[in-house]
Amino acid sequence: MKAKEAMHKGVEWVSPDTPVTGIAKEMLEQDIGALPIDENDRLIGIVRDRDITLRAVANSKEISSLTARDVMTEGSSQRNAITPNC
């Protein structure tokens, strides 16, 4: 099986101002563990379920006030994790 056959089709992108609670709900509904963060049609980071756990829950942050920008892993190096060459 090739990676492209197992990949989730139609990746959703969210803005850095998207509430973390909305991101978690989207992950649950789509049965995914990460969402790419887009600003001005450019990938600026990714939010993984692990990011939410470690940067929000484990640090006792008030989740309802956090956005993607607060918990995301920044950097274009995430591009390869999101769009592998298949």
N, C-alpha and C. Protein backbone atom coordinates (compact mmCIF):
# COMPACT_ATOMS: atom_id res chain seq x y z
N MET A 1 0.85 -1.18 0.00
CA MET A 1 0.00 0.00 0.00
C MET A 1 0.89 1.24 0.00
N LYS A 2 0.56 2.17 -0.85
CA LYS A 2 1.27 3.44 -0.90
C LYS A 2 0.65 4.42 0.10
N ALA A 3 1.48 5.35 0.56
CA ALA A 3 1.02 6.34 1.53
C ALA A 3 -0.20 7.10 1.01
N LYS A 4 -0.20 7.46 -0.26
CA LYS A 4 -1.31 8.23 -0.80
C LYS A 4 -2.63 7.48 -0.74
N GLU A 5 -2.57 6.15 -0.70
CA GLU A 5 -3.80 5.35 -0.60
C GLU A 5 -4.38 5.37 0.82
N ALA A 6 -3.54 5.61 1.80
CA ALA A 6 -3.99 5.62 3.19
C ALA A 6 -4.24 7.03 3.71
N MET A 7 -3.81 8.02 2.95
CA MET A 7 -3.93 9.40 3.41
C MET A 7 -5.38 9.88 3.41
N HIS A 8 -5.64 10.81 4.27
CA HIS A 8 -6.95 11.45 4.36
C HIS A 8 -7.08 12.41 3.19
N LYS A 9 -8.14 12.30 2.42
CA LYS A 9 -8.33 13.19 1.28
C LYS A 9 -9.03 14.48 1.72
N GLY A 10 -8.72 15.57 1.06
CA GLY A 10 -9.40 16.83 1.36
C GLY A 10 -9.00 17.44 2.69
N VAL A 11 -7.72 17.68 2.86
CA VAL A 11 -7.22 18.23 4.12
C VAL A 11 -7.85 19.59 4.39
N GLU A 12 -8.32 19.77 5.60
CA GLU A 12 -8.86 21.05 6.05
C GLU A 12 -7.72 21.90 6.60
N TRP A 13 -7.75 23.18 6.30
CA TRP A 13 -6.78 24.12 6.86
C TRP A 13 -7.55 25.05 7.78
N VAL A 14 -6.92 25.49 8.86
CA VAL A 14 -7.56 26.45 9.74
C VAL A 14 -6.64 27.64 9.95
N SER A 15 -7.23 28.75 10.35
CA SER A 15 -6.44 29.97 10.58
C SER A 15 -5.81 29.93 11.97
N PRO A 16 -4.78 30.73 12.19
CA PRO A 16 -4.14 30.75 13.51
C PRO A 16 -5.05 31.29 14.61
N ASP A 17 -6.15 31.94 14.24
CA ASP A 17 -7.08 32.49 15.23
C ASP A 17 -8.20 31.52 15.58
N THR A 18 -8.18 30.33 15.02
CA THR A 18 -9.20 29.32 15.31
C THR A 18 -9.08 28.85 16.76
N PRO A 19 -10.18 28.85 17.50
CA PRO A 19 -10.13 28.38 18.90
C PRO A 19 -9.69 26.91 18.98
N VAL A 20 -8.90 26.60 19.99
CA VAL A 20 -8.43 25.23 20.19
C VAL A 20 -9.60 24.27 20.35
N THR A 21 -10.67 24.71 20.99
CA THR A 21 -11.84 23.84 21.15
C THR A 21 -12.43 23.47 19.79
N GLY A 22 -12.44 24.42 18.86
CA GLY A 22 -12.93 24.14 17.51
C GLY A 22 -12.02 23.17 16.77
N ILE A 23 -10.73 23.32 16.97
CA ILE A 23 -9.77 22.41 16.34
C ILE A 23 -9.96 20.99 16.87
N ALA A 24 -10.11 20.86 18.17
CA ALA A 24 -10.31 19.54 18.78
C ALA A 24 -11.59 18.89 18.26
N LYS A 25 -12.65 19.67 18.12
CA LYS A 25 -13.91 19.13 17.59
C LYS A 25 -13.74 18.68 16.14
N GLU A 26 -13.02 19.46 15.35
CA GLU A 26 -12.77 19.11 13.95
C GLU A 26 -11.97 17.81 13.86
N MET A 27 -10.95 17.68 14.72
CA MET A 27 -10.15 16.46 14.74
C MET A 27 -11.02 15.25 15.08
N LEU A 28 -11.90 15.42 16.04
CA LEU A 28 -12.80 14.34 16.44
C LEU A 28 -13.74 13.96 15.30
N GLU A 29 -14.36 14.96 14.69
CA GLU A 29 -15.31 14.70 13.60
C GLU A 29 -14.65 14.06 12.39
N GLN A 30 -13.42 14.48 12.07
CA GLN A 30 -12.72 13.97 10.89
C GLN A 30 -11.86 12.74 11.18
N ASP A 31 -11.78 12.36 12.47
CA ASP A 31 -10.94 11.24 12.90
C ASP A 31 -9.49 11.44 12.45
N ILE A 32 -8.96 12.63 12.77
CA ILE A 32 -7.58 12.97 12.43
C ILE A 32 -6.86 13.46 13.67
N GLY A 33 -5.53 13.48 13.63
CA GLY A 33 -4.75 13.90 14.78
C GLY A 33 -3.99 15.19 14.59
N ALA A 34 -4.20 15.85 13.44
CA ALA A 34 -3.47 17.10 13.18
C ALA A 34 -4.19 17.93 12.14
N LEU A 35 -4.03 19.24 12.26
CA LEU A 35 -4.57 20.18 11.27
C LEU A 35 -3.51 21.21 10.92
N PRO A 36 -3.30 21.45 9.63
CA PRO A 36 -2.34 22.48 9.23
C PRO A 36 -2.92 23.87 9.47
N ILE A 37 -2.03 24.81 9.79
CA ILE A 37 -2.42 26.19 10.06
C ILE A 37 -1.96 27.06 8.89
N ASP A 38 -2.90 27.81 8.33
CA ASP A 38 -2.68 28.61 7.14
C ASP A 38 -2.90 30.08 7.44
N GLU A 39 -1.96 30.91 6.96
CA GLU A 39 -2.12 32.35 7.08
C GLU A 39 -1.67 32.97 5.76
N ASN A 40 -2.56 33.72 5.14
CA ASN A 40 -2.27 34.34 3.85
C ASN A 40 -1.84 33.31 2.81
N ASP A 41 -2.57 32.20 2.75
CA ASP A 41 -2.29 31.11 1.80
C ASP A 41 -0.90 30.52 1.96
N ARG A 42 -0.42 30.51 3.17
CA ARG A 42 0.91 29.97 3.46
C ARG A 42 0.86 29.11 4.71
N LEU A 43 1.47 27.94 4.64
CA LEU A 43 1.54 27.06 5.80
C LEU A 43 2.47 27.68 6.83
N ILE A 44 1.95 27.92 8.03
CA ILE A 44 2.79 28.51 9.08
C ILE A 44 3.01 27.55 10.25
N GLY A 45 2.27 26.44 10.27
CA GLY A 45 2.44 25.49 11.36
C GLY A 45 1.42 24.38 11.30
N ILE A 46 1.38 23.62 12.36
CA ILE A 46 0.46 22.50 12.46
C ILE A 46 0.05 22.36 13.93
N VAL A 47 -1.19 22.00 14.15
CA VAL A 47 -1.65 21.67 15.50
C VAL A 47 -1.95 20.18 15.52
N ARG A 48 -1.26 19.49 16.39
CA ARG A 48 -1.48 18.05 16.58
C ARG A 48 -2.21 17.85 17.90
N ASP A 49 -2.86 16.73 18.03
CA ASP A 49 -3.51 16.44 19.30
C ASP A 49 -2.49 16.49 20.44
N ARG A 50 -1.27 16.12 20.16
CA ARG A 50 -0.20 16.19 21.17
C ARG A 50 0.09 17.64 21.57
N ASP A 51 0.05 18.56 20.61
CA ASP A 51 0.27 19.98 20.93
C ASP A 51 -0.78 20.48 21.91
N ILE A 52 -2.02 20.10 21.67
CA ILE A 52 -3.11 20.51 22.56
C ILE A 52 -2.89 19.92 23.96
N THR A 53 -2.52 18.65 24.00
CA THR A 53 -2.30 17.98 25.28
C THR A 53 -1.16 18.61 26.07
N LEU A 54 -0.02 18.80 25.42
CA LEU A 54 1.16 19.28 26.14
C LEU A 54 1.17 20.78 26.39
N ARG A 55 0.71 21.57 25.44
CA ARG A 55 0.80 23.03 25.58
C ARG A 55 -0.41 23.66 26.23
N ALA A 56 -1.48 22.92 26.33
CA ALA A 56 -2.69 23.48 26.93
C ALA A 56 -3.09 22.69 28.18
N VAL A 57 -3.45 21.44 28.00
CA VAL A 57 -3.97 20.65 29.12
C VAL A 57 -2.92 20.44 30.20
N ALA A 58 -1.73 19.97 29.83
CA ALA A 58 -0.70 19.66 30.83
C ALA A 58 -0.19 20.92 31.54
N ASN A 59 -0.30 22.06 30.89
CA ASN A 59 0.13 23.32 31.50
C ASN A 59 -1.01 24.06 32.21
N SER A 60 -2.13 23.37 32.37
CA SER A 60 -3.30 23.91 33.06
C SER A 60 -3.76 25.25 32.50
N LYS A 61 -3.70 25.39 31.18
CA LYS A 61 -4.16 26.62 30.53
C LYS A 61 -5.67 26.57 30.40
N GLU A 62 -6.30 27.72 30.34
CA GLU A 62 -7.74 27.82 30.12
C GLU A 62 -7.98 27.58 28.63
N ILE A 63 -8.36 26.38 28.28
CA ILE A 63 -8.47 25.96 26.89
C ILE A 63 -9.45 26.82 26.09
N SER A 64 -10.51 27.25 26.71
CA SER A 64 -11.53 28.02 25.98
C SER A 64 -11.00 29.36 25.47
N SER A 65 -9.87 29.83 26.01
CA SER A 65 -9.33 31.11 25.57
C SER A 65 -8.15 30.97 24.60
N LEU A 66 -7.74 29.73 24.31
CA LEU A 66 -6.58 29.50 23.46
C LEU A 66 -6.94 29.38 21.98
N THR A 67 -6.02 29.78 21.14
CA THR A 67 -6.19 29.65 19.68
C THR A 67 -5.09 28.74 19.14
N ALA A 68 -5.21 28.44 17.85
CA ALA A 68 -4.20 27.61 17.19
C ALA A 68 -2.82 28.21 17.37
N ARG A 69 -2.70 29.52 17.24
CA ARG A 69 -1.39 30.18 17.37
C ARG A 69 -0.75 29.90 18.74
N ASP A 70 -1.56 29.74 19.77
CA ASP A 70 -1.04 29.50 21.12
C ASP A 70 -0.42 28.12 21.30
N VAL A 71 -0.88 27.14 20.53
CA VAL A 71 -0.43 25.76 20.77
C VAL A 71 0.27 25.12 19.57
N MET A 72 0.25 25.76 18.41
CA MET A 72 0.77 25.13 17.20
C MET A 72 2.28 24.94 17.23
N THR A 73 2.73 23.96 16.46
CA THR A 73 4.14 23.79 16.18
C THR A 73 4.42 24.61 14.94
N GLU A 74 5.29 25.59 15.07
CA GLU A 74 5.55 26.52 13.98
C GLU A 74 6.61 26.00 13.03
N GLY A 75 6.59 26.57 11.82
CA GLY A 75 7.67 26.33 10.88
C GLY A 75 7.25 25.60 9.63
N SER A 76 7.90 25.96 8.55
CA SER A 76 7.61 25.33 7.28
C SER A 76 8.17 23.93 7.19
N SER A 77 8.99 23.52 8.15
CA SER A 77 9.51 22.15 8.13
C SER A 77 8.39 21.14 8.29
N GLN A 78 7.21 21.62 8.75
CA GLN A 78 6.06 20.73 8.90
C GLN A 78 5.45 20.35 7.55
N ARG A 79 5.78 21.08 6.50
CA ARG A 79 5.19 20.81 5.18
C ARG A 79 5.35 19.37 4.78
N ASN A 80 6.52 18.78 5.02
CA ASN A 80 6.76 17.39 4.62
C ASN A 80 5.89 16.43 5.42
N ALA A 81 5.55 16.80 6.64
CA ALA A 81 4.69 15.93 7.46
C ALA A 81 3.25 15.98 6.96
N ILE A 82 2.90 17.05 6.28
CA ILE A 82 1.53 17.21 5.83
C ILE A 82 1.34 16.74 4.39
N THR A 83 2.29 17.05 3.53
CA THR A 83 2.14 16.72 2.12
C THR A 83 3.33 15.91 1.63
N PRO A 84 3.38 14.62 2.00
CA PRO A 84 4.50 13.80 1.58
C PRO A 84 4.50 13.61 0.06
N ASN A 85 5.66 13.39 -0.47
CA ASN A 85 5.81 13.16 -1.90
C ASN A 85 5.41 11.73 -2.21
N CYS A 86 4.20 11.54 -2.71
CA CYS A 86 3.68 10.18 -2.97
C CYS A 86 3.55 9.96 -4.46
